[in-house]
Amino acid sequence: MQVAGVRVPVSAVVVLACVACAAPTRPTHWYEAPPRPAVPDSLRWQWALTTPPEPSVADVFVLDGFTTDAALVEDLHRERRRAVCYLPLGEVERGRPDAARFPAELTGGDGLVRWDAPEGQLRERIAPILADRLRLCRDKGFDAAALDLLAGAPRSVVDHLVDQAHRMSLPVGLLDTHHADADLKVPDGPGYRHP
């Protein structure tokens, strides 16, 4: 390419054009907009906790973190779909692989974690078990985590879980409580109600 009679490589013109179009640096006192949600609202969602997902009916599937295997998550990814790991963190079900790890004095006869137990004990003895549940989601290749049954949990436990999810590169949505750093909005599914 020739510019004013001088032969200039095309790559140099492209670089100069990019530099000229670059956005100016914004002053640091400007308001920073909040980050966009991890998954846009315009996507079609399907809750498939007990039935196999059908990739043609949705873009994002909320699946049981315990019973869904990594192969299914991989299959959904091949279909260009996303998989959200549903975890009822406040629930201790007898058939779950980690049920024996929960101390009896910190769980009730209803199979739920006693969030009214001393906060220090919950942080030291329950939070590590719940973080391992998040690792299960990460290791299976899930794209995000939807955490449930945390209503009434101490703030420090919820802080820890949201932080752990983010350290594992899992956007996290909370279904029955709120946290400022929860970055995934999970819609209610048919037949699903928050406790």
C-alpha atoms as a PDB file:
ATOM      1  CA  MET A   1       0.000   0.000   0.000  1.00  0.00           C
ATOM      2  CA  GLN A   2       1.244   3.503  -0.775  1.00  0.00           C
ATOM      3  CA  VAL A   3       0.559   6.493   1.427  1.00  0.00           C
ATOM      4  CA  ALA A   4       1.655   9.915   0.051  1.00  0.00           C
ATOM      5  CA  GLY A   5       3.999   8.151  -2.397  1.00  0.00           C
ATOM      6  CA  VAL A   6       5.644   6.018   0.346  1.00  0.00           C
ATOM      7  CA  ARG A   7       5.214   2.259   0.343  1.00  0.00           C
ATOM      8  CA  VAL A   8       3.786   1.223   3.780  1.00  0.00           C
ATOM      9  CA  PRO A   9       3.151  -2.390   4.814  1.00  0.00           C
ATOM     10  CA  VAL A  10      -0.557  -3.161   5.299  1.00  0.00           C
ATOM     11  CA  SER A  11       0.118  -4.413   8.853  1.00  0.00           C
ATOM     12  CA  ALA A  12       1.455  -0.988   9.834  1.00  0.00           C
ATOM     13  CA  VAL A  13      -1.720   0.685   8.562  1.00  0.00           C
ATOM     14  CA  VAL A  14      -3.889  -1.716  10.568  1.00  0.00           C
ATOM     15  CA  VAL A  15      -1.883  -1.083  13.745  1.00  0.00           C
ATOM     16  CA  LEU A  16      -2.085   2.680  13.293  1.00  0.00           C
ATOM     17  CA  ALA A  17      -5.821   2.494  12.652  1.00  0.00           C
ATOM     18  CA  CYS A  18      -6.309   0.470  15.832  1.00  0.00           C
ATOM     19  CA  VAL A  19      -4.284   2.945  17.889  1.00  0.00           C
ATOM     20  CA  ALA A  20      -6.279   5.871  16.476  1.00  0.00           C
ATOM     21  CA  CYS A  21      -9.569   4.170  17.340  1.00  0.00           C
ATOM     22  CA  ALA A  22      -8.595   3.088  20.827  1.00  0.00           C
ATOM     23  CA  ALA A  23     -10.903   4.381  23.535  1.00  0.00           C
ATOM     24  CA  PRO A  24      -9.396   7.080  25.742  1.00  0.00           C
ATOM     25  CA  THR A  25      -8.650   6.180  29.315  1.00  0.00           C
ATOM     26  CA  ARG A  26     -11.535   7.050  31.647  1.00  0.00           C
ATOM     27  CA  PRO A  27     -10.811   9.099  34.729  1.00  0.00           C
ATOM     28  CA  THR A  28     -10.637   6.959  37.870  1.00  0.00           C
ATOM     29  CA  HIS A  29     -13.384   8.973  39.582  1.00  0.00           C
ATOM     30  CA  TRP A  30     -15.988   7.801  37.027  1.00  0.00           C
ATOM     31  CA  TYR A  31     -18.600   5.374  38.244  1.00  0.00           C
ATOM     32  CA  GLU A  32     -17.846   1.802  37.266  1.00  0.00           C
ATOM     33  CA  ALA A  33     -20.943  -0.073  36.129  1.00  0.00           C
ATOM     34  CA  PRO A  34     -21.586  -3.410  37.872  1.00  0.00           C
ATOM     35  CA  PRO A  35     -20.367  -6.481  35.995  1.00  0.00           C
ATOM     36  CA  ARG A  36     -22.817  -8.170  33.649  1.00  0.00           C
ATOM     37  CA  PRO A  37     -24.543 -11.280  34.991  1.00  0.00           C
ATOM     38  CA  ALA A  38     -22.597 -14.487  34.380  1.00  0.00           C
ATOM     39  CA  VAL A  39     -25.421 -15.799  32.188  1.00  0.00           C
ATOM     40  CA  PRO A  40     -27.687 -13.415  30.255  1.00  0.00           C
ATOM     41  CA  ASP A  41     -31.406 -13.352  31.055  1.00  0.00           C
ATOM     42  CA  SER A  42     -32.281 -13.974  27.402  1.00  0.00           C
ATOM     43  CA  LEU A  43     -31.173 -17.615  27.513  1.00  0.00           C
ATOM     44  CA  ARG A  44     -33.684 -20.452  27.800  1.00  0.00           C
ATOM     45  CA  TRP A  45     -33.334 -22.347  31.087  1.00  0.00           C
ATOM     46  CA  GLN A  46     -34.500 -25.805  32.105  1.00  0.00           C
ATOM     47  CA  TRP A  47     -34.459 -27.416  35.524  1.00  0.00           C
ATOM     48  CA  ALA A  48     -33.571 -31.098  35.048  1.00  0.00           C
ATOM     49  CA  LEU A  49     -32.885 -32.351  38.568  1.00  0.00           C
ATOM     50  CA  THR A  50     -34.517 -35.749  38.117  1.00  0.00           C
ATOM     51  CA  THR A  51     -34.943 -36.206  34.377  1.00  0.00           C
ATOM     52  CA  PRO A  52     -32.281 -36.247  31.645  1.00  0.00           C
ATOM     53  CA  PRO A  53     -31.891 -32.896  29.892  1.00  0.00           C
ATOM     54  CA  GLU A  54     -32.961 -32.517  26.278  1.00  0.00           C
ATOM     55  CA  PRO A  55     -30.394 -30.179  24.660  1.00  0.00           C
ATOM     56  CA  SER A  56     -32.824 -28.905  22.018  1.00  0.00           C
ATOM     57  CA  VAL A  57     -35.215 -27.308  24.545  1.00  0.00           C
ATOM     58  CA  ALA A  58     -32.878 -25.008  26.480  1.00  0.00           C
ATOM     59  CA  ASP A  59     -29.541 -23.189  26.495  1.00  0.00           C
ATOM     60  CA  VAL A  60     -28.800 -23.635  30.198  1.00  0.00           C
ATOM     61  CA  PHE A  61     -29.614 -26.668  32.340  1.00  0.00           C
ATOM     62  CA  VAL A  62     -29.774 -26.758  36.128  1.00  0.00           C
ATOM     63  CA  LEU A  63     -28.685 -30.276  37.088  1.00  0.00           C
ATOM     64  CA  ASP A  64     -28.213 -32.152  40.360  1.00  0.00           C
ATOM     65  CA  GLY A  65     -24.562 -31.808  41.350  1.00  0.00           C
ATOM     66  CA  PHE A  66     -24.421 -35.247  42.946  1.00  0.00           C
ATOM     67  CA  THR A  67     -26.202 -37.430  40.391  1.00  0.00           C
ATOM     68  CA  THR A  68     -25.019 -35.739  37.186  1.00  0.00           C
ATOM     69  CA  ASP A  69     -21.796 -37.216  35.874  1.00  0.00           C
ATOM     70  CA  ALA A  70     -18.998 -35.406  34.058  1.00  0.00           C
ATOM     71  CA  ALA A  71     -19.838 -37.179  30.768  1.00  0.00           C
ATOM     72  CA  LEU A  72     -23.306 -35.574  30.681  1.00  0.00           C
ATOM     73  CA  VAL A  73     -21.839 -32.130  31.333  1.00  0.00           C
ATOM     74  CA  GLU A  74     -19.342 -32.733  28.516  1.00  0.00           C
ATOM     75  CA  ASP A  75     -22.158 -33.869  26.195  1.00  0.00           C
ATOM     76  CA  LEU A  76     -24.047 -30.637  26.888  1.00  0.00           C
ATOM     77  CA  HIS A  77     -20.923 -28.609  26.160  1.00  0.00           C
ATOM     78  CA  ARG A  78     -20.534 -30.400  22.831  1.00  0.00           C
ATOM     79  CA  GLU A  79     -24.095 -29.274  22.044  1.00  0.00           C
ATOM     80  CA  ARG A  80     -23.015 -25.710  22.973  1.00  0.00           C
ATOM     81  CA  ARG A  81     -25.158 -25.741  26.113  1.00  0.00           C
ATOM     82  CA  ARG A  82     -24.309 -24.707  29.686  1.00  0.00           C
ATOM     83  CA  ALA A  83     -24.687 -26.751  32.850  1.00  0.00           C
ATOM     84  CA  VAL A  84     -25.374 -25.238  36.273  1.00  0.00           C
ATOM     85  CA  CYS A  85     -24.648 -27.424  39.296  1.00  0.00           C
ATOM     86  CA  TYR A  86     -27.547 -27.431  41.784  1.00  0.00           C
ATOM     87  CA  LEU A  87     -26.385 -28.058  45.356  1.00  0.00           C
ATOM     88  CA  PRO A  88     -28.695 -28.121  48.386  1.00  0.00           C
ATOM     89  CA  LEU A  89     -25.903 -27.129  50.779  1.00  0.00           C
ATOM     90  CA  GLY A  90     -28.002 -27.082  53.905  1.00  0.00           C
ATOM     91  CA  GLU A  91     -29.267 -30.626  53.357  1.00  0.00           C
ATOM     92  CA  VAL A  92     -27.738 -33.871  54.602  1.00  0.00           C
ATOM     93  CA  GLU A  93     -29.301 -36.715  52.648  1.00  0.00           C
ATOM     94  CA  ARG A  94     -28.563 -40.236  53.763  1.00  0.00           C
ATOM     95  CA  GLY A  95     -27.678 -41.459  50.261  1.00  0.00           C
ATOM     96  CA  ARG A  96     -25.165 -38.704  49.497  1.00  0.00           C
ATOM     97  CA  PRO A  97     -21.487 -39.699  49.465  1.00  0.00           C
ATOM     98  CA  ASP A  98     -20.578 -37.091  52.091  1.00  0.00           C
ATOM     99  CA  ALA A  99     -23.476 -37.683  54.508  1.00  0.00           C
ATOM    100  CA  ALA A 100     -21.288 -39.445  57.107  1.00  0.00           C
ATOM    101  CA  ARG A 101     -18.978 -36.418  57.288  1.00  0.00           C
ATOM    102  CA  PHE A 102     -21.644 -34.180  58.853  1.00  0.00           C
ATOM    103  CA  PRO A 103     -21.429 -34.117  62.684  1.00  0.00           C
ATOM    104  CA  ALA A 104     -24.698 -35.342  64.226  1.00  0.00           C
ATOM    105  CA  GLU A 105     -24.775 -32.452  66.722  1.00  0.00           C
ATOM    106  CA  LEU A 106     -24.800 -29.931  63.861  1.00  0.00           C
ATOM    107  CA  THR A 107     -27.649 -31.532  61.921  1.00  0.00           C
ATOM    108  CA  GLY A 108     -31.280 -31.949  62.842  1.00  0.00           C
ATOM    109  CA  GLY A 109     -33.574 -34.950  62.631  1.00  0.00           C
ATOM    110  CA  ASP A 110     -35.054 -33.382  59.468  1.00  0.00           C
ATOM    111  CA  GLY A 111     -31.799 -33.908  57.575  1.00  0.00           C
ATOM    112  CA  LEU A 112     -30.884 -30.227  57.524  1.00  0.00           C
ATOM    113  CA  VAL A 113     -27.844 -28.411  58.855  1.00  0.00           C
ATOM    114  CA  ARG A 114     -28.629 -26.592  62.095  1.00  0.00           C
ATOM    115  CA  TRP A 115     -27.746 -23.052  61.068  1.00  0.00           C
ATOM    116  CA  ASP A 116     -28.509 -21.896  64.631  1.00  0.00           C
ATOM    117  CA  ALA A 117     -25.510 -23.907  65.950  1.00  0.00           C
ATOM    118  CA  PRO A 118     -22.449 -21.937  67.127  1.00  0.00           C
ATOM    119  CA  GLU A 119     -21.026 -20.012  64.187  1.00  0.00           C
ATOM    120  CA  GLY A 120     -17.444 -21.083  64.900  1.00  0.00           C
ATOM    121  CA  GLN A 121     -18.402 -24.756  64.745  1.00  0.00           C
ATOM    122  CA  LEU A 122     -20.300 -24.257  61.506  1.00  0.00           C
ATOM    123  CA  ARG A 123     -17.305 -22.496  59.959  1.00  0.00           C
ATOM    124  CA  GLU A 124     -14.795 -25.097  61.131  1.00  0.00           C
ATOM    125  CA  ARG A 125     -16.779 -28.317  60.711  1.00  0.00           C
ATOM    126  CA  ILE A 126     -19.517 -27.713  58.123  1.00  0.00           C
ATOM    127  CA  ALA A 127     -18.019 -25.131  55.726  1.00  0.00           C
ATOM    128  CA  PRO A 128     -15.165 -27.465  54.577  1.00  0.00           C
ATOM    129  CA  ILE A 129     -17.706 -30.186  53.671  1.00  0.00           C
ATOM    130  CA  LEU A 130     -19.747 -27.684  51.691  1.00  0.00           C
ATOM    131  CA  ALA A 131     -16.611 -26.396  49.915  1.00  0.00           C
ATOM    132  CA  ASP A 132     -15.888 -29.998  48.893  1.00  0.00           C
ATOM    133  CA  ARG A 133     -19.363 -30.121  47.343  1.00  0.00           C
ATOM    134  CA  LEU A 134     -18.391 -27.102  45.250  1.00  0.00           C
ATOM    135  CA  ARG A 135     -15.214 -28.919  44.161  1.00  0.00           C
ATOM    136  CA  LEU A 136     -17.428 -31.766  42.984  1.00  0.00           C
ATOM    137  CA  CYS A 137     -19.155 -29.307  40.623  1.00  0.00           C
ATOM    138  CA  ARG A 138     -15.879 -27.900  39.390  1.00  0.00           C
ATOM    139  CA  ASP A 139     -14.351 -31.345  38.838  1.00  0.00           C
ATOM    140  CA  LYS A 140     -17.366 -32.459  36.775  1.00  0.00           C
ATOM    141  CA  GLY A 141     -16.919 -29.450  34.501  1.00  0.00           C
ATOM    142  CA  PHE A 142     -20.032 -27.469  35.451  1.00  0.00           C
ATOM    143  CA  ASP A 143     -20.144 -23.858  34.262  1.00  0.00           C
ATOM    144  CA  ALA A 144     -21.642 -22.401  37.447  1.00  0.00           C
ATOM    145  CA  ALA A 145     -23.228 -23.343  40.784  1.00  0.00           C
ATOM    146  CA  ALA A 146     -26.734 -22.744  42.152  1.00  0.00           C
ATOM    147  CA  LEU A 147     -26.600 -23.005  45.948  1.00  0.00           C
ATOM    148  CA  ASP A 148     -29.735 -23.743  47.941  1.00  0.00           C
ATOM    149  CA  LEU A 149     -30.879 -24.198  51.550  1.00  0.00           C
ATOM    150  CA  LEU A 150     -28.568 -21.535  52.943  1.00  0.00           C
ATOM    151  CA  ALA A 151     -31.344 -19.394  54.474  1.00  0.00           C
ATOM    152  CA  GLY A 152     -30.384 -18.777  58.076  1.00  0.00           C
ATOM    153  CA  ALA A 153     -26.711 -19.687  57.553  1.00  0.00           C
ATOM    154  CA  PRO A 154     -24.254 -17.331  59.276  1.00  0.00           C
ATOM    155  CA  ARG A 155     -22.933 -14.596  57.022  1.00  0.00           C
ATOM    156  CA  SER A 156     -19.352 -15.852  57.450  1.00  0.00           C
ATOM    157  CA  VAL A 157     -20.309 -19.293  56.083  1.00  0.00           C
ATOM    158  CA  VAL A 158     -22.068 -17.788  53.036  1.00  0.00           C
ATOM    159  CA  ASP A 159     -19.085 -15.440  52.487  1.00  0.00           C
ATOM    160  CA  HIS A 160     -16.753 -18.447  52.585  1.00  0.00           C
ATOM    161  CA  LEU A 161     -18.834 -20.449  50.096  1.00  0.00           C
ATOM    162  CA  VAL A 162     -19.190 -17.602  47.587  1.00  0.00           C
ATOM    163  CA  ASP A 163     -15.454 -16.936  47.865  1.00  0.00           C
ATOM    164  CA  GLN A 164     -14.632 -20.633  47.374  1.00  0.00           C
ATOM    165  CA  ALA A 165     -16.878 -20.841  44.302  1.00  0.00           C
ATOM    166  CA  HIS A 166     -15.161 -17.846  42.745  1.00  0.00           C
ATOM    167  CA  ARG A 167     -11.711 -19.281  43.513  1.00  0.00           C
ATOM    168  CA  MET A 168     -12.831 -22.344  41.541  1.00  0.00           C
ATOM    169  CA  SER A 169     -13.943 -20.076  38.661  1.00  0.00           C
ATOM    170  CA  LEU A 170     -17.595 -20.947  39.252  1.00  0.00           C
ATOM    171  CA  PRO A 171     -20.105 -18.117  38.987  1.00  0.00           C
ATOM    172  CA  VAL A 172     -22.536 -18.628  41.839  1.00  0.00           C
ATOM    173  CA  GLY A 173     -26.237 -18.032  42.351  1.00  0.00           C
ATOM    174  CA  LEU A 174     -27.973 -18.243  45.736  1.00  0.00           C
ATOM    175  CA  LEU A 175     -31.550 -19.504  45.619  1.00  0.00           C
ATOM    176  CA  ASP A 176     -32.872 -18.758  49.101  1.00  0.00           C
ATOM    177  CA  THR A 177     -30.582 -16.043  50.442  1.00  0.00           C
ATOM    178  CA  HIS A 178     -28.670 -13.012  49.128  1.00  0.00           C
ATOM    179  CA  HIS A 179     -25.029 -12.053  48.829  1.00  0.00           C
ATOM    180  CA  ALA A 180     -23.528  -8.998  47.148  1.00  0.00           C
ATOM    181  CA  ASP A 181     -20.959 -11.107  45.270  1.00  0.00           C
ATOM    182  CA  ALA A 182     -23.388 -13.708  43.925  1.00  0.00           C
ATOM    183  CA  ASP A 183     -23.042 -13.213  40.178  1.00  0.00           C
ATOM    184  CA  LEU A 184     -25.521 -15.657  38.669  1.00  0.00           C
ATOM    185  CA  LYS A 185     -29.259 -15.130  38.464  1.00  0.00           C
ATOM    186  CA  VAL A 186     -31.005 -18.509  38.418  1.00  0.00           C
ATOM    187  CA  PRO A 187     -34.679 -18.390  37.433  1.00  0.00           C
ATOM    188  CA  ASP A 188     -37.262 -20.522  39.206  1.00  0.00           C
ATOM    189  CA  GLY A 189     -38.014 -23.681  37.317  1.00  0.00           C
ATOM    190  CA  PRO A 190     -41.380 -25.381  36.838  1.00  0.00           C
ATOM    191  CA  GLY A 191     -42.247 -27.280  39.975  1.00  0.00           C
ATOM    192  CA  TYR A 192     -39.358 -25.741  41.916  1.00  0.00           C
ATOM    193  CA  ARG A 193     -40.104 -23.449  44.828  1.00  0.00           C
ATOM    194  CA  HIS A 194     -37.686 -21.817  47.209  1.00  0.00           C
ATOM    195  CA  PRO A 195     -38.128 -23.194  50.723  1.00  0.00           C
END
